[in-house]
Amino acid sequence: MKRGEVYRTQEKIAERGHKPGFYVVVSRDFIASNDDVTTVICAPVYGESLGLRSEVPIGLADGLPQESSIRCDFLTLMFKRKLTRFVCTLSSGKQIELTRALTYALQLEQHKVR
């Protein structure tokens, strides 16, 4: 498992209306690939776009069944064992967009470390 990979859950998730869902791993690779760590931080993928700076469009060209958006305002901690079906790895361009959306969603631009 690596940052930027998209997975689908097989089991139903209460926060998703008791339906399976798509998630993008946003934890750093050290955490995502470490077998001793059982959870990763993920951004959920929704089938509609709200046009927010904290969203990243993703769709058919990326391996999803429909045009969707990664919503970086709704990060969630997921057990790795729930991310059962690998879908795709985001392109380098989409990963740059994801980093920008996460930076905006978490207000990291305003809190630069000196």
Protein backbone atom coordinates (compact mmCIF):
# COMPACT_ATOMS: atom_id res chain seq x y z
CA MET A 1 0.00 0.00 0.00
CA LYS A 2 1.28 3.48 -0.91
CA ARG A 3 0.22 7.11 -0.81
CA GLY A 4 -1.88 8.00 -3.85
CA GLU A 5 -3.41 4.55 -4.30
CA VAL A 6 -7.18 4.26 -4.65
CA TYR A 7 -9.03 1.39 -2.99
CA ARG A 8 -12.63 0.30 -2.75
CA THR A 9 -14.08 -1.07 0.45
CA GLN A 10 -16.07 -4.25 0.19
CA GLU A 11 -17.97 -3.90 3.43
CA LYS A 12 -20.59 -1.26 4.01
CA ILE A 13 -19.41 1.93 5.73
CA ALA A 14 -21.88 3.74 8.02
CA GLU A 15 -20.47 7.17 7.11
CA ARG A 16 -21.14 6.41 3.44
CA GLY A 17 -24.84 5.59 3.85
CA HIS A 18 -24.06 1.93 4.55
CA LYS A 19 -22.56 1.44 1.09
CA PRO A 20 -19.05 0.48 0.00
CA GLY A 21 -16.88 3.38 -1.07
CA PHE A 22 -13.68 4.50 -2.76
CA TYR A 23 -10.79 5.95 -0.76
CA VAL A 24 -7.41 7.46 -1.61
CA VAL A 25 -4.52 6.71 0.75
CA VAL A 26 -2.94 9.99 1.90
CA SER A 27 -0.67 8.67 4.67
CA ARG A 28 3.02 8.87 3.89
CA ASP A 29 4.56 5.77 2.32
CA PHE A 30 6.41 4.78 5.51
CA ILE A 31 3.07 4.36 7.30
CA ALA A 32 1.10 2.99 4.35
CA SER A 33 3.64 0.29 3.51
CA ASN A 34 4.47 -0.68 7.10
CA ASP A 35 2.84 -4.03 7.96
CA ASP A 36 3.08 -3.23 11.68
CA VAL A 37 0.74 -0.25 11.23
CA THR A 38 -2.90 -1.32 10.81
CA THR A 39 -4.45 2.01 9.80
CA VAL A 40 -3.94 4.72 7.18
CA ILE A 41 -5.40 8.18 6.65
CA CYS A 42 -7.62 8.30 3.57
CA ALA A 43 -9.58 10.87 1.61
CA PRO A 44 -13.01 9.65 0.50
CA VAL A 45 -14.11 9.75 -3.13
CA TYR A 46 -17.62 11.03 -3.87
CA GLY A 47 -19.61 10.71 -7.09
CA GLU A 48 -20.31 14.42 -7.25
CA SER A 49 -18.16 17.51 -7.24
CA LEU A 50 -18.92 20.59 -5.16
CA GLY A 51 -16.30 22.69 -6.97
CA LEU A 52 -14.18 23.21 -3.85
CA ARG A 53 -10.42 23.90 -3.84
CA SER A 54 -10.13 21.00 -1.41
CA GLU A 55 -11.42 18.54 -4.04
CA VAL A 56 -9.54 16.71 -6.79
CA PRO A 57 -11.48 15.54 -9.85
CA ILE A 58 -10.97 11.86 -10.68
CA GLY A 59 -12.82 9.60 -13.05
CA LEU A 60 -12.90 7.16 -15.91
CA ALA A 61 -9.40 8.02 -17.14
CA ASP A 62 -8.11 7.30 -13.62
CA GLY A 63 -9.79 3.90 -13.33
CA LEU A 64 -12.99 4.82 -11.50
CA PRO A 65 -16.42 3.82 -12.84
CA GLN A 66 -17.67 7.43 -13.04
CA GLU A 67 -16.52 11.02 -12.76
CA SER A 68 -15.97 11.76 -9.08
CA SER A 69 -14.06 13.95 -6.62
CA ILE A 70 -11.55 13.23 -3.88
CA ARG A 71 -12.71 15.29 -0.89
CA CYS A 72 -9.78 16.35 1.25
CA ASP A 73 -11.99 18.09 3.83
CA PHE A 74 -13.26 14.71 5.06
CA LEU A 75 -10.12 12.73 5.88
CA THR A 76 -10.73 9.52 7.77
CA LEU A 77 -8.67 6.88 9.54
CA MET A 78 -9.25 3.49 7.90
CA PHE A 79 -8.13 0.01 8.83
CA LYS A 80 -5.97 -1.31 5.99
CA ARG A 81 -7.91 -4.58 6.06
CA LYS A 82 -11.06 -2.69 5.00
CA LEU A 83 -9.38 -1.38 1.83
CA THR A 84 -9.85 -4.65 0.02
CA ARG A 85 -9.93 -3.87 -3.69
CA PHE A 86 -7.07 -1.96 -5.32
CA VAL A 87 -8.43 0.29 -8.07
CA CYS A 88 -5.53 2.42 -9.33
CA THR A 89 -2.59 4.63 -8.48
CA LEU A 90 -3.05 8.34 -9.11
CA SER A 91 -0.86 9.81 -11.84
CA SER A 92 1.94 12.15 -10.76
CA GLY A 93 -0.19 15.09 -11.93
CA LYS A 94 -3.16 13.96 -9.83
CA GLN A 95 -0.85 13.44 -6.85
CA ILE A 96 0.34 17.05 -7.19
CA GLU A 97 -3.31 18.17 -7.27
CA LEU A 98 -3.98 15.99 -4.20
CA THR A 99 -1.09 17.60 -2.31
CA ARG A 100 -2.40 21.07 -3.18
CA ALA A 101 -5.94 20.16 -2.10
CA LEU A 102 -4.66 18.68 1.19
CA THR A 103 -2.53 21.77 1.82
CA TYR A 104 -5.60 23.95 1.33
CA ALA A 105 -7.96 21.71 3.34
CA LEU A 106 -5.59 21.58 6.31
CA GLN A 107 -4.61 25.28 6.04
CA LEU A 108 -0.93 24.34 5.88
CA GLU A 109 -0.07 27.37 3.72
CA GLN A 110 -0.91 29.67 6.62
CA HIS A 111 1.21 27.75 9.11
CA LYS A 112 4.59 27.44 7.45
CA VAL A 113 7.33 26.26 9.76
CA ARG A 114 10.30 28.59 9.87
